């Protein structure tokens, strides 16, 4: 689990220089259409843990920035 999050964070840090979207989509169909239009991948976060240090780090270091 921690290794997966580390790989995800490493991957996302490679794209840190790319312009970030103003918001994260919460509707999958909207995200799919935009991703197809812009020829980009989709990151889907399945959250549910309010105690996991890895989830806190992902939110703080990636999703909220």
N, C-alpha and C. Protein backbone atom coordinates (compact mmCIF):
# COMPACT_ATOMS: atom_id res chain seq x y z
N UNK A 1 0.83 -1.20 0.00
CA UNK A 1 0.00 0.00 0.00
C UNK A 1 0.87 1.25 0.00
N UNK A 2 1.82 1.33 0.92
CA UNK A 2 2.68 2.50 0.99
C UNK A 2 3.52 2.61 -0.27
N UNK A 3 3.98 1.47 -0.81
CA UNK A 3 4.76 1.50 -2.03
C UNK A 3 3.91 2.03 -3.19
N UNK A 4 2.65 1.63 -3.26
CA UNK A 4 1.76 2.11 -4.32
C UNK A 4 1.58 3.63 -4.24
N UNK A 5 1.40 4.13 -3.03
CA UNK A 5 1.24 5.57 -2.85
C UNK A 5 2.53 6.28 -3.21
N UNK A 6 3.66 5.71 -2.84
CA UNK A 6 4.96 6.31 -3.17
C UNK A 6 5.15 6.38 -4.68
N UNK A 7 4.79 5.31 -5.38
CA UNK A 7 4.91 5.30 -6.84
C UNK A 7 3.98 6.35 -7.44
N UNK A 8 2.76 6.43 -6.92
CA UNK A 8 1.81 7.43 -7.42
C UNK A 8 2.35 8.84 -7.20
N UNK A 9 2.87 9.11 -6.01
CA UNK A 9 3.41 10.44 -5.73
C UNK A 9 4.61 10.75 -6.61
N UNK A 10 5.46 9.76 -6.85
CA UNK A 10 6.61 9.96 -7.73
C UNK A 10 6.15 10.28 -9.14
N UNK A 11 5.16 9.55 -9.62
CA UNK A 11 4.62 9.78 -10.96
C UNK A 11 4.05 11.19 -11.06
N UNK A 12 3.27 11.57 -10.07
CA UNK A 12 2.65 12.89 -10.11
C UNK A 12 3.68 14.01 -10.00
N UNK A 13 4.74 13.78 -9.27
CA UNK A 13 5.77 14.81 -9.15
C UNK A 13 6.49 15.05 -10.47
N UNK A 14 6.51 14.05 -11.34
CA UNK A 14 7.11 14.23 -12.65
C UNK A 14 6.33 15.22 -13.50
N UNK A 15 5.05 15.33 -13.21
CA UNK A 15 4.19 16.22 -13.97
C UNK A 15 3.91 17.53 -13.22
N UNK A 16 4.68 17.81 -12.20
CA UNK A 16 4.45 19.00 -11.39
C UNK A 16 4.65 20.28 -12.18
N UNK A 17 5.46 20.23 -13.22
CA UNK A 17 5.71 21.44 -13.99
C UNK A 17 4.58 21.75 -14.96
N UNK A 18 3.70 20.79 -15.20
CA UNK A 18 2.56 21.02 -16.08
C UNK A 18 1.54 21.90 -15.38
N UNK A 19 0.82 22.73 -16.13
CA UNK A 19 -0.19 23.57 -15.49
C UNK A 19 -1.24 22.71 -14.80
N UNK A 20 -1.57 23.06 -13.59
CA UNK A 20 -2.56 22.30 -12.82
C UNK A 20 -3.96 22.79 -13.15
N UNK A 21 -4.91 21.90 -13.08
CA UNK A 21 -6.30 22.28 -13.27
C UNK A 21 -6.74 23.12 -12.07
N UNK A 22 -7.72 23.96 -12.29
CA UNK A 22 -8.21 24.79 -11.19
C UNK A 22 -8.93 23.96 -10.15
N UNK A 23 -9.61 22.91 -10.58
CA UNK A 23 -10.36 22.08 -9.64
C UNK A 23 -10.24 20.61 -10.03
N UNK A 24 -10.56 19.76 -9.08
CA UNK A 24 -10.65 18.32 -9.34
C UNK A 24 -12.10 18.03 -9.68
N UNK A 25 -12.33 17.16 -10.64
CA UNK A 25 -13.69 16.77 -11.00
C UNK A 25 -14.20 15.73 -10.00
N UNK A 26 -15.49 15.79 -9.75
CA UNK A 26 -16.12 14.78 -8.91
C UNK A 26 -17.09 13.94 -9.73
N UNK A 27 -17.27 14.28 -10.99
CA UNK A 27 -18.14 13.54 -11.89
C UNK A 27 -17.26 12.80 -12.90
N UNK A 28 -17.32 11.49 -12.88
CA UNK A 28 -16.44 10.68 -13.73
C UNK A 28 -16.69 10.94 -15.21
N UNK A 29 -17.93 11.08 -15.60
CA UNK A 29 -18.22 11.29 -17.03
C UNK A 29 -17.65 12.61 -17.52
N UNK A 30 -17.76 13.66 -16.71
CA UNK A 30 -17.17 14.95 -17.06
C UNK A 30 -15.66 14.83 -17.18
N UNK A 31 -15.06 14.13 -16.24
CA UNK A 31 -13.61 13.94 -16.27
C UNK A 31 -13.17 13.15 -17.51
N UNK A 32 -13.94 12.13 -17.86
CA UNK A 32 -13.62 11.33 -19.06
C UNK A 32 -13.67 12.18 -20.32
N UNK A 33 -14.69 13.01 -20.45
CA UNK A 33 -14.82 13.86 -21.63
C UNK A 33 -13.66 14.84 -21.73
N UNK A 34 -13.32 15.47 -20.60
CA UNK A 34 -12.22 16.43 -20.61
C UNK A 34 -10.89 15.74 -20.89
N UNK A 35 -10.68 14.58 -20.29
CA UNK A 35 -9.44 13.83 -20.52
C UNK A 35 -9.33 13.41 -21.98
N UNK A 36 -10.42 12.98 -22.57
CA UNK A 36 -10.40 12.59 -23.98
C UNK A 36 -10.10 13.80 -24.86
N UNK A 37 -10.72 14.92 -24.54
CA UNK A 37 -10.50 16.14 -25.31
C UNK A 37 -9.04 16.60 -25.24
N UNK A 38 -8.46 16.53 -24.04
CA UNK A 38 -7.09 17.00 -23.82
C UNK A 38 -6.05 15.91 -23.97
N UNK A 39 -6.50 14.69 -24.29
CA UNK A 39 -5.61 13.53 -24.42
C UNK A 39 -4.76 13.34 -23.17
N UNK A 40 -5.44 13.28 -22.02
CA UNK A 40 -4.78 13.11 -20.73
C UNK A 40 -5.34 11.88 -20.02
N UNK A 41 -4.58 11.41 -19.05
CA UNK A 41 -5.01 10.29 -18.22
C UNK A 41 -5.91 10.81 -17.10
N UNK A 42 -6.56 9.88 -16.41
CA UNK A 42 -7.42 10.22 -15.28
C UNK A 42 -6.86 9.57 -14.03
N UNK A 43 -6.81 10.34 -12.95
CA UNK A 43 -6.44 9.83 -11.63
C UNK A 43 -7.73 9.71 -10.84
N UNK A 44 -8.03 8.49 -10.39
CA UNK A 44 -9.23 8.26 -9.58
C UNK A 44 -8.78 7.92 -8.17
N UNK A 45 -9.29 8.68 -7.21
CA UNK A 45 -8.96 8.42 -5.81
C UNK A 45 -10.17 7.79 -5.14
N UNK A 46 -9.98 6.59 -4.61
CA UNK A 46 -11.01 5.93 -3.83
C UNK A 46 -10.65 6.17 -2.37
N UNK A 47 -11.35 7.08 -1.75
CA UNK A 47 -11.03 7.47 -0.38
C UNK A 47 -12.09 6.92 0.57
N UNK A 48 -11.74 6.86 1.80
CA UNK A 48 -12.68 6.41 2.79
C UNK A 48 -12.00 6.31 4.14
N UNK A 49 -10.70 6.49 4.13
CA UNK A 49 -9.96 6.40 5.37
C UNK A 49 -9.74 7.79 5.94
N UNK A 50 -10.10 7.98 7.17
CA UNK A 50 -9.84 9.28 7.80
C UNK A 50 -8.74 9.16 8.85
N UNK A 51 -7.96 8.08 8.76
CA UNK A 51 -6.89 7.89 9.74
C UNK A 51 -5.56 7.54 9.09
N UNK A 52 -5.54 7.20 7.82
CA UNK A 52 -4.34 6.71 7.16
C UNK A 52 -3.33 7.83 6.89
N UNK A 53 -2.11 7.69 7.38
CA UNK A 53 -1.07 8.70 7.10
C UNK A 53 -0.81 8.87 5.60
N UNK A 54 -0.89 7.79 4.84
CA UNK A 54 -0.67 7.89 3.39
C UNK A 54 -1.78 8.70 2.74
N UNK A 55 -3.01 8.53 3.19
CA UNK A 55 -4.13 9.31 2.64
C UNK A 55 -3.99 10.78 2.99
N UNK A 56 -3.57 11.07 4.22
CA UNK A 56 -3.34 12.46 4.61
C UNK A 56 -2.25 13.08 3.75
N UNK A 57 -1.16 12.34 3.53
CA UNK A 57 -0.04 12.86 2.73
C UNK A 57 -0.47 13.10 1.29
N UNK A 58 -1.22 12.18 0.70
CA UNK A 58 -1.69 12.35 -0.67
C UNK A 58 -2.55 13.60 -0.77
N UNK A 59 -3.47 13.77 0.15
CA UNK A 59 -4.34 14.95 0.10
C UNK A 59 -3.53 16.23 0.27
N UNK A 60 -2.67 16.27 1.28
CA UNK A 60 -1.92 17.48 1.58
C UNK A 60 -0.90 17.83 0.51
N UNK A 61 -0.16 16.84 0.02
CA UNK A 61 0.94 17.09 -0.90
C UNK A 61 0.55 17.11 -2.35
N UNK A 62 -0.60 16.53 -2.70
CA UNK A 62 -0.97 16.44 -4.12
C UNK A 62 -2.33 17.06 -4.39
N UNK A 63 -3.35 16.51 -3.79
CA UNK A 63 -4.71 16.89 -4.14
C UNK A 63 -5.07 18.31 -3.77
N UNK A 64 -4.53 18.81 -2.66
CA UNK A 64 -4.86 20.17 -2.21
C UNK A 64 -3.96 21.23 -2.82
N UNK A 65 -3.00 20.83 -3.63
CA UNK A 65 -2.07 21.82 -4.20
C UNK A 65 -2.42 22.13 -5.63
